[in-house]
Amino acid sequence: MRCDYHLHSSISADSSTSPFQQIKQAEVLGLNEICFTEHLEIHFYRGDAWHVDLQEYKERFAQLTSSSVKIKFGLEAGIALAAEYFSELEDELRGMRQ
């Protein structure tokens, strides 16, 4: 199986490529599966630019389709190295289930 399970799109601050372009490229490359892993960074040193809006991400993800590539949805969750922020990250991740 050919797959890529670490893709960032324009939803994250470190990519300007749209999710649709990522999917088209995966089709061209003959990938079977891809997984978007947009950034969710709590108190990241670059500020809010790396904090994905989870509801918007879920809504945009629901619109993604491909006839030949299975599309999965994930997160690259990070946090500043300070224990006092752990509960904030947990709360954010729990909110995705709603």
PDB file of N, CA and C in Angstrom:
ATOM      1  N   MET A   1       0.848  -1.169   0.000  1.00  0.00           N
ATOM      2  CA  MET A   1       0.000   0.000   0.000  1.00  0.00           C
ATOM      3  C   MET A   1       0.897   1.236   0.000  1.00  0.00           C
ATOM      4  N   ARG A   2       0.536   2.199  -0.808  1.00  0.00           N
ATOM      5  CA  ARG A   2       1.262   3.471  -0.859  1.00  0.00           C
ATOM      6  C   ARG A   2       0.411   4.526  -0.163  1.00  0.00           C
ATOM      7  N   CYS A   3       0.987   5.170   0.865  1.00  0.00           N
ATOM      8  CA  CYS A   3       0.220   6.160   1.625  1.00  0.00           C
ATOM      9  C   CYS A   3       1.145   7.242   2.169  1.00  0.00           C
ATOM     10  N   ASP A   4       0.527   8.335   2.551  1.00  0.00           N
ATOM     11  CA  ASP A   4       1.223   9.424   3.237  1.00  0.00           C
ATOM     12  C   ASP A   4       0.317   9.854   4.382  1.00  0.00           C
ATOM     13  N   TYR A   5       0.794   9.652   5.604  1.00  0.00           N
ATOM     14  CA  TYR A   5      -0.018   9.951   6.782  1.00  0.00           C
ATOM     15  C   TYR A   5       0.450  11.191   7.517  1.00  0.00           C
ATOM     16  N   HIS A   6       1.122  12.096   6.814  1.00  0.00           N
ATOM     17  CA  HIS A   6       1.544  13.348   7.453  1.00  0.00           C
ATOM     18  C   HIS A   6       1.494  14.466   6.416  1.00  0.00           C
ATOM     19  N   LEU A   7       0.286  14.960   6.157  1.00  0.00           N
ATOM     20  CA  LEU A   7       0.088  16.039   5.189  1.00  0.00           C
ATOM     21  C   LEU A   7      -0.438  17.284   5.882  1.00  0.00           C
ATOM     22  N   HIS A   8       0.149  18.416   5.529  1.00  0.00           N
ATOM     23  CA  HIS A   8      -0.370  19.705   5.973  1.00  0.00           C
ATOM     24  C   HIS A   8      -0.881  20.433   4.739  1.00  0.00           C
ATOM     25  N   SER A   9      -1.990  21.120   4.912  1.00  0.00           N
ATOM     26  CA  SER A   9      -2.548  21.934   3.834  1.00  0.00           C
ATOM     27  C   SER A   9      -2.612  23.385   4.295  1.00  0.00           C
ATOM     28  N   SER A  10      -3.263  24.202   3.522  1.00  0.00           N
ATOM     29  CA  SER A  10      -3.391  25.620   3.861  1.00  0.00           C
ATOM     30  C   SER A  10      -4.202  25.845   5.137  1.00  0.00           C
ATOM     31  N   ILE A  11      -4.775  24.802   5.693  1.00  0.00           N
ATOM     32  CA  ILE A  11      -5.452  24.908   6.985  1.00  0.00           C
ATOM     33  C   ILE A  11      -4.406  25.149   8.083  1.00  0.00           C
ATOM     34  N   SER A  12      -3.202  24.618   7.894  1.00  0.00           N
ATOM     35  CA  SER A  12      -2.094  24.845   8.817  1.00  0.00           C
ATOM     36  C   SER A  12      -1.274  26.043   8.347  1.00  0.00           C
ATOM     37  N   ALA A  13      -0.560  26.636   9.266  1.00  0.00           N
ATOM     38  CA  ALA A  13       0.228  27.829   8.944  1.00  0.00           C
ATOM     39  C   ALA A  13       1.492  27.519   8.148  1.00  0.00           C
ATOM     40  N   ASP A  14       1.872  26.258   8.049  1.00  0.00           N
ATOM     41  CA  ASP A  14       3.121  25.914   7.373  1.00  0.00           C
ATOM     42  C   ASP A  14       2.945  25.384   5.951  1.00  0.00           C
ATOM     43  N   SER A  15       1.761  25.581   5.367  1.00  0.00           N
ATOM     44  CA  SER A  15       1.536  25.153   3.990  1.00  0.00           C
ATOM     45  C   SER A  15       0.591  26.129   3.300  1.00  0.00           C
ATOM     46  N   SER A  16       0.832  26.344   2.028  1.00  0.00           N
ATOM     47  CA  SER A  16      -0.078  27.195   1.250  1.00  0.00           C
ATOM     48  C   SER A  16      -0.865  26.377   0.228  1.00  0.00           C
ATOM     49  N   THR A  17      -0.696  25.060   0.243  1.00  0.00           N
ATOM     50  CA  THR A  17      -1.364  24.173  -0.703  1.00  0.00           C
ATOM     51  C   THR A  17      -2.755  23.810  -0.189  1.00  0.00           C
ATOM     52  N   SER A  18      -3.761  23.939  -1.041  1.00  0.00           N
ATOM     53  CA  SER A  18      -5.119  23.611  -0.613  1.00  0.00           C
ATOM     54  C   SER A  18      -5.262  22.100  -0.416  1.00  0.00           C
ATOM     55  N   PRO A  19      -6.206  21.686   0.430  1.00  0.00           N
ATOM     56  CA  PRO A  19      -6.448  20.252   0.588  1.00  0.00           C
ATOM     57  C   PRO A  19      -6.797  19.587  -0.745  1.00  0.00           C
ATOM     58  N   PHE A  20      -7.539  20.282  -1.596  1.00  0.00           N
ATOM     59  CA  PHE A  20      -7.924  19.724  -2.893  1.00  0.00           C
ATOM     60  C   PHE A  20      -6.697  19.470  -3.766  1.00  0.00           C
ATOM     61  N   GLN A  21      -5.724  20.391  -3.725  1.00  0.00           N
ATOM     62  CA  GLN A  21      -4.482  20.193  -4.474  1.00  0.00           C
ATOM     63  C   GLN A  21      -3.694  19.008  -3.921  1.00  0.00           C
ATOM     64  N   GLN A  22      -3.687  18.855  -2.606  1.00  0.00           N
ATOM     65  CA  GLN A  22      -3.004  17.721  -1.987  1.00  0.00           C
ATOM     66  C   GLN A  22      -3.613  16.401  -2.461  1.00  0.00           C
ATOM     67  N   ILE A  23      -4.924  16.359  -2.517  1.00  0.00           N
ATOM     68  CA  ILE A  23      -5.624  15.145  -2.965  1.00  0.00           C
ATOM     69  C   ILE A  23      -5.305  14.851  -4.425  1.00  0.00           C
ATOM     70  N   LYS A  24      -5.356  15.870  -5.262  1.00  0.00           N
ATOM     71  CA  LYS A  24      -5.044  15.682  -6.694  1.00  0.00           C
ATOM     72  C   LYS A  24      -3.626  15.150  -6.867  1.00  0.00           C
ATOM     73  N   GLN A  25      -2.661  15.686  -6.093  1.00  0.00           N
ATOM     74  CA  GLN A  25      -1.283  15.212  -6.187  1.00  0.00           C
ATOM     75  C   GLN A  25      -1.176  13.759  -5.716  1.00  0.00           C
ATOM     76  N   ALA A  26      -1.915  13.408  -4.682  1.00  0.00           N
ATOM     77  CA  ALA A  26      -1.915  12.017  -4.200  1.00  0.00           C
ATOM     78  C   ALA A  26      -2.444  11.082  -5.289  1.00  0.00           C
ATOM     79  N   GLU A  27      -3.457  11.530  -6.008  1.00  0.00           N
ATOM     80  CA  GLU A  27      -3.993  10.727  -7.117  1.00  0.00           C
ATOM     81  C   GLU A  27      -2.939  10.549  -8.204  1.00  0.00           C
ATOM     82  N   VAL A  28      -2.257  11.644  -8.555  1.00  0.00           N
ATOM     83  CA  VAL A  28      -1.204  11.592  -9.575  1.00  0.00           C
ATOM     84  C   VAL A  28      -0.093  10.625  -9.152  1.00  0.00           C
ATOM     85  N   LEU A  29       0.254  10.630  -7.879  1.00  0.00           N
ATOM     86  CA  LEU A  29       1.323   9.772  -7.369  1.00  0.00           C
ATOM     87  C   LEU A  29       0.886   8.323  -7.169  1.00  0.00           C
ATOM     88  N   GLY A  30      -0.400   8.063  -7.316  1.00  0.00           N
ATOM     89  CA  GLY A  30      -0.905   6.706  -7.151  1.00  0.00           C
ATOM     90  C   GLY A  30      -1.000   6.244  -5.717  1.00  0.00           C
ATOM     91  N   LEU A  31      -1.191   7.187  -4.789  1.00  0.00           N
ATOM     92  CA  LEU A  31      -1.314   6.818  -3.378  1.00  0.00           C
ATOM     93  C   LEU A  31      -2.675   6.183  -3.121  1.00  0.00           C
ATOM     94  N   ASN A  32      -2.709   5.225  -2.206  1.00  0.00           N
ATOM     95  CA  ASN A  32      -3.964   4.583  -1.817  1.00  0.00           C
ATOM     96  C   ASN A  32      -4.682   5.358  -0.715  1.00  0.00           C
ATOM     97  N   GLU A  33      -3.906   5.920   0.216  1.00  0.00           N
ATOM     98  CA  GLU A  33      -4.464   6.653   1.354  1.00  0.00           C
ATOM     99  C   GLU A  33      -3.592   7.840   1.695  1.00  0.00           C
ATOM    100  N   ILE A  34      -4.247   8.880   2.208  1.00  0.00           N
ATOM    101  CA  ILE A  34      -3.536  10.024   2.766  1.00  0.00           C
ATOM    102  C   ILE A  34      -4.233  10.416   4.064  1.00  0.00           C
ATOM    103  N   CYS A  35      -3.492  11.084   4.923  1.00  0.00           N
ATOM    104  CA  CYS A  35      -4.072  11.581   6.165  1.00  0.00           C
ATOM    105  C   CYS A  35      -3.599  13.010   6.389  1.00  0.00           C
ATOM    106  N   PHE A  36      -4.551  13.924   6.453  1.00  0.00           N
ATOM    107  CA  PHE A  36      -4.237  15.307   6.788  1.00  0.00           C
ATOM    108  C   PHE A  36      -3.975  15.380   8.291  1.00  0.00           C
ATOM    109  N   THR A  37      -2.880  16.022   8.651  1.00  0.00           N
ATOM    110  CA  THR A  37      -2.490  16.148  10.060  1.00  0.00           C
ATOM    111  C   THR A  37      -2.185  17.619  10.344  1.00  0.00           C
ATOM    112  N   GLU A  38      -3.227  18.415  10.302  1.00  0.00           N
ATOM    113  CA  GLU A  38      -3.059  19.856  10.498  1.00  0.00           C
ATOM    114  C   GLU A  38      -2.597  20.139  11.923  1.00  0.00           C
ATOM    115  N   HIS A  39      -1.928  21.273  12.083  1.00  0.00           N
ATOM    116  CA  HIS A  39      -1.368  21.647  13.381  1.00  0.00           C
ATOM    117  C   HIS A  39      -2.432  22.119  14.357  1.00  0.00           C
ATOM    118  N   LEU A  40      -2.348  21.610  15.566  1.00  0.00           N
ATOM    119  CA  LEU A  40      -3.059  22.149  16.721  1.00  0.00           C
ATOM    120  C   LEU A  40      -1.978  22.375  17.766  1.00  0.00           C
ATOM    121  N   GLU A  41      -1.533  23.594  17.902  1.00  0.00           N
ATOM    122  CA  GLU A  41      -0.436  23.923  18.808  1.00  0.00           C
ATOM    123  C   GLU A  41      -0.945  24.851  19.909  1.00  0.00           C
ATOM    124  N   ILE A  42      -0.804  24.426  21.130  1.00  0.00           N
ATOM    125  CA  ILE A  42      -1.237  25.215  22.282  1.00  0.00           C
ATOM    126  C   ILE A  42      -0.041  26.023  22.791  1.00  0.00           C
ATOM    127  N   HIS A  43      -0.200  27.342  22.816  1.00  0.00           N
ATOM    128  CA  HIS A  43       0.841  28.261  23.281  1.00  0.00           C
ATOM    129  C   HIS A  43       2.156  28.064  22.521  1.00  0.00           C
ATOM    130  N   PHE A  44       2.031  27.849  21.240  1.00  0.00           N
ATOM    131  CA  PHE A  44       3.196  27.683  20.383  1.00  0.00           C
ATOM    132  C   PHE A  44       3.950  28.999  20.303  1.00  0.00           C
ATOM    133  N   TYR A  45       5.245  28.946  20.163  1.00  0.00           N
ATOM    134  CA  TYR A  45       6.048  30.176  20.211  1.00  0.00           C
ATOM    135  C   TYR A  45       5.722  31.149  19.092  1.00  0.00           C
ATOM    136  N   ARG A  46       5.054  30.696  18.042  1.00  0.00           N
ATOM    137  CA  ARG A  46       4.679  31.599  16.953  1.00  0.00           C
ATOM    138  C   ARG A  46       3.286  32.198  17.142  1.00  0.00           C
ATOM    139  N   GLY A  47       2.624  31.881  18.213  1.00  0.00           N
ATOM    140  CA  GLY A  47       1.317  32.475  18.492  1.00  0.00           C
ATOM    141  C   GLY A  47       0.173  31.718  17.855  1.00  0.00           C
ATOM    142  N   ASP A  48      -0.955  32.410  17.672  1.00  0.00           N
ATOM    143  CA  ASP A  48      -2.191  31.776  17.213  1.00  0.00           C
ATOM    144  C   ASP A  48      -2.151  31.290  15.769  1.00  0.00           C
ATOM    145  N   ALA A  49      -1.167  31.707  14.983  1.00  0.00           N
ATOM    146  CA  ALA A  49      -1.100  31.295  13.576  1.00  0.00           C
ATOM    147  C   ALA A  49      -1.014  29.776  13.434  1.00  0.00           C
ATOM    148  N   TRP A  50      -0.608  29.069  14.460  1.00  0.00           N
ATOM    149  CA  TRP A  50      -0.478  27.617  14.400  1.00  0.00           C
ATOM    150  C   TRP A  50      -1.601  26.916  15.152  1.00  0.00           C
ATOM    151  N   HIS A  51      -2.639  27.633  15.480  1.00  0.00           N
ATOM    152  CA  HIS A  51      -3.768  27.050  16.208  1.00  0.00           C
ATOM    153  C   HIS A  51      -4.935  26.886  15.239  1.00  0.00           C
ATOM    154  N   VAL A  52      -5.150  25.661  14.786  1.00  0.00           N
ATOM    155  CA  VAL A  52      -6.210  25.388  13.821  1.00  0.00           C
ATOM    156  C   VAL A  52      -7.578  25.505  14.500  1.00  0.00           C
ATOM    157  N   ASP A  53      -8.540  26.033  13.772  1.00  0.00           N
ATOM    158  CA  ASP A  53      -9.926  26.062  14.234  1.00  0.00           C
ATOM    159  C   ASP A  53     -10.499  24.671  13.970  1.00  0.00           C
ATOM    160  N   LEU A  54     -10.694  23.874  15.018  1.00  0.00           N
ATOM    161  CA  LEU A  54     -11.082  22.482  14.849  1.00  0.00           C
ATOM    162  C   LEU A  54     -12.444  22.313  14.181  1.00  0.00           C
ATOM    163  N   GLN A  55     -13.394  23.179  14.490  1.00  0.00           N
ATOM    164  CA  GLN A  55     -14.703  23.062  13.861  1.00  0.00           C
ATOM    165  C   GLN A  55     -14.618  23.342  12.362  1.00  0.00           C
ATOM    166  N   GLU A  56     -13.870  24.370  11.992  1.00  0.00           N
ATOM    167  CA  GLU A  56     -13.678  24.676  10.575  1.00  0.00           C
ATOM    168  C   GLU A  56     -12.960  23.526   9.878  1.00  0.00           C
ATOM    169  N   TYR A  57     -11.966  22.966  10.534  1.00  0.00           N
ATOM    170  CA  TYR A  57     -11.223  21.842   9.976  1.00  0.00           C
ATOM    171  C   TYR A  57     -12.154  20.659   9.713  1.00  0.00           C
ATOM    172  N   LYS A  58     -12.995  20.321  10.682  1.00  0.00           N
ATOM    173  CA  LYS A  58     -13.945  19.221  10.509  1.00  0.00           C
ATOM    174  C   LYS A  58     -14.904  19.496   9.353  1.00  0.00           C
ATOM    175  N   GLU A  59     -15.392  20.728   9.250  1.00  0.00           N
ATOM    176  CA  GLU A  59     -16.317  21.086   8.177  1.00  0.00           C
ATOM    177  C   GLU A  59     -15.643  21.000   6.807  1.00  0.00           C
ATOM    178  N   ARG A  60     -14.424  21.520   6.708  1.00  0.00           N
ATOM    179  CA  ARG A  60     -13.695  21.465   5.439  1.00  0.00           C
ATOM    180  C   ARG A  60     -13.343  20.028   5.077  1.00  0.00           C
ATOM    181  N   PHE A  61     -12.964  19.233   6.066  1.00  0.00           N
ATOM    182  CA  PHE A  61     -12.621  17.844   5.826  1.00  0.00           C
ATOM    183  C   PHE A  61     -13.816  17.078   5.262  1.00  0.00           C
ATOM    184  N   ALA A  62     -15.004  17.364   5.770  1.00  0.00           N
ATOM    185  CA  ALA A  62     -16.211  16.666   5.319  1.00  0.00           C
ATOM    186  C   ALA A  62     -16.483  16.899   3.830  1.00  0.00           C
ATOM    187  N   GLN A  63     -15.926  17.950   3.253  1.00  0.00           N
ATOM    188  CA  GLN A  63     -16.139  18.272   1.843  1.00  0.00           C
ATOM    189  C   GLN A  63     -15.135  17.584   0.919  1.00  0.00           C
ATOM    190  N   LEU A  64     -14.118  16.944   1.479  1.00  0.00           N
ATOM    191  CA  LEU A  64     -13.049  16.373   0.666  1.00  0.00           C
ATOM    192  C   LEU A  64     -13.438  14.993   0.148  1.00  0.00           C
ATOM    193  N   THR A  65     -13.255  14.787  -1.141  1.00  0.00           N
ATOM    194  CA  THR A  65     -13.562  13.498  -1.745  1.00  0.00           C
ATOM    195  C   THR A  65     -12.510  13.143  -2.787  1.00  0.00           C
ATOM    196  N   SER A  66     -12.419  11.874  -3.065  1.00  0.00           N
ATOM    197  CA  SER A  66     -11.545  11.374  -4.122  1.00  0.00           C
ATOM    198  C   SER A  66     -12.095  10.039  -4.578  1.00  0.00           C
ATOM    199  N   SER A  67     -11.982   9.765  -5.867  1.00  0.00           N
ATOM    200  CA  SER A  67     -12.460   8.481  -6.370  1.00  0.00           C
ATOM    201  C   SER A  67     -11.449   7.366  -6.160  1.00  0.00           C
ATOM    202  N   SER A  68     -10.170   7.714  -5.982  1.00  0.00           N
ATOM    203  CA  SER A  68      -9.146   6.667  -5.904  1.00  0.00           C
ATOM    204  C   SER A  68      -8.304   6.684  -4.626  1.00  0.00           C
ATOM    205  N   VAL A  69      -8.387   7.753  -3.832  1.00  0.00           N
ATOM    206  CA  VAL A  69      -7.562   7.876  -2.632  1.00  0.00           C
ATOM    207  C   VAL A  69      -8.462   7.941  -1.396  1.00  0.00           C
ATOM    208  N   LYS A  70      -8.202   7.066  -0.437  1.00  0.00           N
ATOM    209  CA  LYS A  70      -8.920   7.146   0.836  1.00  0.00           C
ATOM    210  C   LYS A  70      -8.327   8.306   1.625  1.00  0.00           C
ATOM    211  N   ILE A  71      -9.185   9.181   2.133  1.00  0.00           N
ATOM    212  CA  ILE A  71      -8.742  10.390   2.819  1.00  0.00           C
ATOM    213  C   ILE A  71      -9.067  10.268   4.303  1.00  0.00           C
ATOM    214  N   LYS A  72      -8.039  10.411   5.123  1.00  0.00           N
ATOM    215  CA  LYS A  72      -8.219  10.364   6.573  1.00  0.00           C
ATOM    216  C   LYS A  72      -7.915  11.731   7.163  1.00  0.00           C
ATOM    217  N   PHE A  73      -8.353  11.900   8.387  1.00  0.00           N
ATOM    218  CA  PHE A  73      -8.306  13.192   9.048  1.00  0.00           C
ATOM    219  C   PHE A  73      -7.659  13.004  10.411  1.00  0.00           C
ATOM    220  N   GLY A  74      -6.623  13.787  10.684  1.00  0.00           N
ATOM    221  CA  GLY A  74      -5.937  13.694  11.961  1.00  0.00           C
ATOM    222  C   GLY A  74      -5.430  15.049  12.396  1.00  0.00           C
ATOM    223  N   LEU A  75      -4.604  15.051  13.400  1.00  0.00           N
ATOM    224  CA  LEU A  75      -4.008  16.278  13.931  1.00  0.00           C
ATOM    225  C   LEU A  75      -2.564  16.031  14.300  1.00  0.00           C
ATOM    226  N   GLU A  76      -1.767  17.053  14.177  1.00  0.00           N
ATOM    227  CA  GLU A  76      -0.444  17.066  14.789  1.00  0.00           C
ATOM    228  C   GLU A  76      -0.584  17.990  15.987  1.00  0.00           C
ATOM    229  N   ALA A  77      -0.810  17.391  17.137  1.00  0.00           N
ATOM    230  CA  ALA A  77      -1.076  18.168  18.342  1.00  0.00           C
ATOM    231  C   ALA A  77       0.216  18.404  19.105  1.00  0.00           C
ATOM    232  N   GLY A  78       0.442  19.646  19.452  1.00  0.00           N
ATOM    233  CA  GLY A  78       1.636  19.999  20.195  1.00  0.00           C
ATOM    234  C   GLY A  78       1.315  21.021  21.265  1.00  0.00           C
ATOM    235  N   ILE A  79       2.268  21.185  22.123  1.00  0.00           N
ATOM    236  CA  ILE A  79       2.058  22.096  23.238  1.00  0.00           C
ATOM    237  C   ILE A  79       3.414  22.652  23.671  1.00  0.00           C
ATOM    238  N   ALA A  80       3.418  23.860  24.150  1.00  0.00           N
ATOM    239  CA  ALA A  80       4.641  24.413  24.732  1.00  0.00           C
ATOM    240  C   ALA A  80       5.053  23.506  25.890  1.00  0.00           C
ATOM    241  N   LEU A  81       6.299  23.372  26.117  1.00  0.00           N
ATOM    242  CA  LEU A  81       6.776  22.454  27.153  1.00  0.00           C
ATOM    243  C   LEU A  81       6.547  23.029  28.540  1.00  0.00           C
ATOM    244  N   ALA A  82       5.295  23.046  28.915  1.00  0.00           N
ATOM    245  CA  ALA A  82       4.914  23.526  30.237  1.00  0.00           C
ATOM    246  C   ALA A  82       3.694  22.725  30.692  1.00  0.00           C
ATOM    247  N   ALA A  83       3.824  22.038  31.782  1.00  0.00           N
ATOM    248  CA  ALA A  83       2.774  21.143  32.269  1.00  0.00           C
ATOM    249  C   ALA A  83       1.442  21.854  32.481  1.00  0.00           C
ATOM    250  N   GLU A  84       1.470  23.136  32.797  1.00  0.00           N
ATOM    251  CA  GLU A  84       0.201  23.831  33.061  1.00  0.00           C
ATOM    252  C   GLU A  84      -0.692  23.940  31.830  1.00  0.00           C
ATOM    253  N   TYR A  85      -0.165  23.655  30.631  1.00  0.00           N
ATOM    254  CA  TYR A  85      -0.960  23.731  29.410  1.00  0.00           C
ATOM    255  C   TYR A  85      -1.572  22.389  28.999  1.00  0.00           C
ATOM    256  N   PHE A  86      -1.209  21.297  29.649  1.00  0.00           N
ATOM    257  CA  PHE A  86      -1.681  19.978  29.240  1.00  0.00           C
ATOM    258  C   PHE A  86      -3.202  19.867  29.276  1.00  0.00           C
ATOM    259  N   SER A  87      -3.826  20.352  30.328  1.00  0.00           N
ATOM    260  CA  SER A  87      -5.289  20.239  30.430  1.00  0.00           C
ATOM    261  C   SER A  87      -5.973  21.051  29.341  1.00  0.00           C
ATOM    262  N   GLU A  88      -5.394  22.161  28.941  1.00  0.00           N
ATOM    263  CA  GLU A  88      -5.963  22.979  27.865  1.00  0.00           C
ATOM    264  C   GLU A  88      -5.937  22.204  26.538  1.00  0.00           C
ATOM    265  N   LEU A  89      -4.857  21.496  26.270  1.00  0.00           N
ATOM    266  CA  LEU A  89      -4.767  20.685  25.062  1.00  0.00           C
ATOM    267  C   LEU A  89      -5.781  19.549  25.117  1.00  0.00           C
ATOM    268  N   GLU A  90      -5.897  18.893  26.253  1.00  0.00           N
ATOM    269  CA  GLU A  90      -6.880  17.819  26.406  1.00  0.00           C
ATOM    270  C   GLU A  90      -8.293  18.324  26.167  1.00  0.00           C
ATOM    271  N   ASP A  91      -8.645  19.489  26.714  1.00  0.00           N
ATOM    272  CA  ASP A  91      -9.969  20.071  26.518  1.00  0.00           C
ATOM    273  C   ASP A  91     -10.228  20.343  25.034  1.00  0.00           C
ATOM    274  N   GLU A  92      -9.231  20.865  24.348  1.00  0.00           N
ATOM    275  CA  GLU A  92      -9.355  21.174  22.932  1.00  0.00           C
ATOM    276  C   GLU A  92      -9.623  19.898  22.130  1.00  0.00           C
ATOM    277  N   LEU A  93      -8.880  18.857  22.424  1.00  0.00           N
ATOM    278  CA  LEU A  93      -9.046  17.593  21.702  1.00  0.00           C
ATOM    279  C   LEU A  93     -10.389  16.938  22.016  1.00  0.00           C
ATOM    280  N   ARG A  94     -10.835  17.012  23.240  1.00  0.00           N
ATOM    281  CA  ARG A  94     -12.160  16.467  23.590  1.00  0.00           C
ATOM    282  C   ARG A  94     -13.272  17.181  22.836  1.00  0.00           C
ATOM    283  N   GLY A  95     -13.097  18.473  22.572  1.00  0.00           N
ATOM    284  CA  GLY A  95     -14.100  19.250  21.860  1.00  0.00           C
ATOM    285  C   GLY A  95     -14.333  18.768  20.433  1.00  0.00           C
ATOM    286  N   MET A  96     -13.379  18.064  19.859  1.00  0.00           N
ATOM    287  CA  MET A  96     -13.535  17.547  18.487  1.00  0.00           C
ATOM    288  C   MET A  96     -14.605  16.477  18.404  1.00  0.00           C
ATOM    289  N   ARG A  97     -14.891  15.800  19.491  1.00  0.00           N
ATOM    290  CA  ARG A  97     -15.877  14.721  19.478  1.00  0.00           C
ATOM    291  C   ARG A  97     -17.304  15.228  19.346  1.00  0.00           C
ATOM    292  N   GLN A  98     -17.500  16.499  19.610  1.00  0.00           N
ATOM    293  CA  GLN A  98     -18.855  17.065  19.618  1.00  0.00           C
ATOM    294  C   GLN A  98     -19.362  17.275  18.206  1.00  0.00           C
TER     295      GLN A  98
END
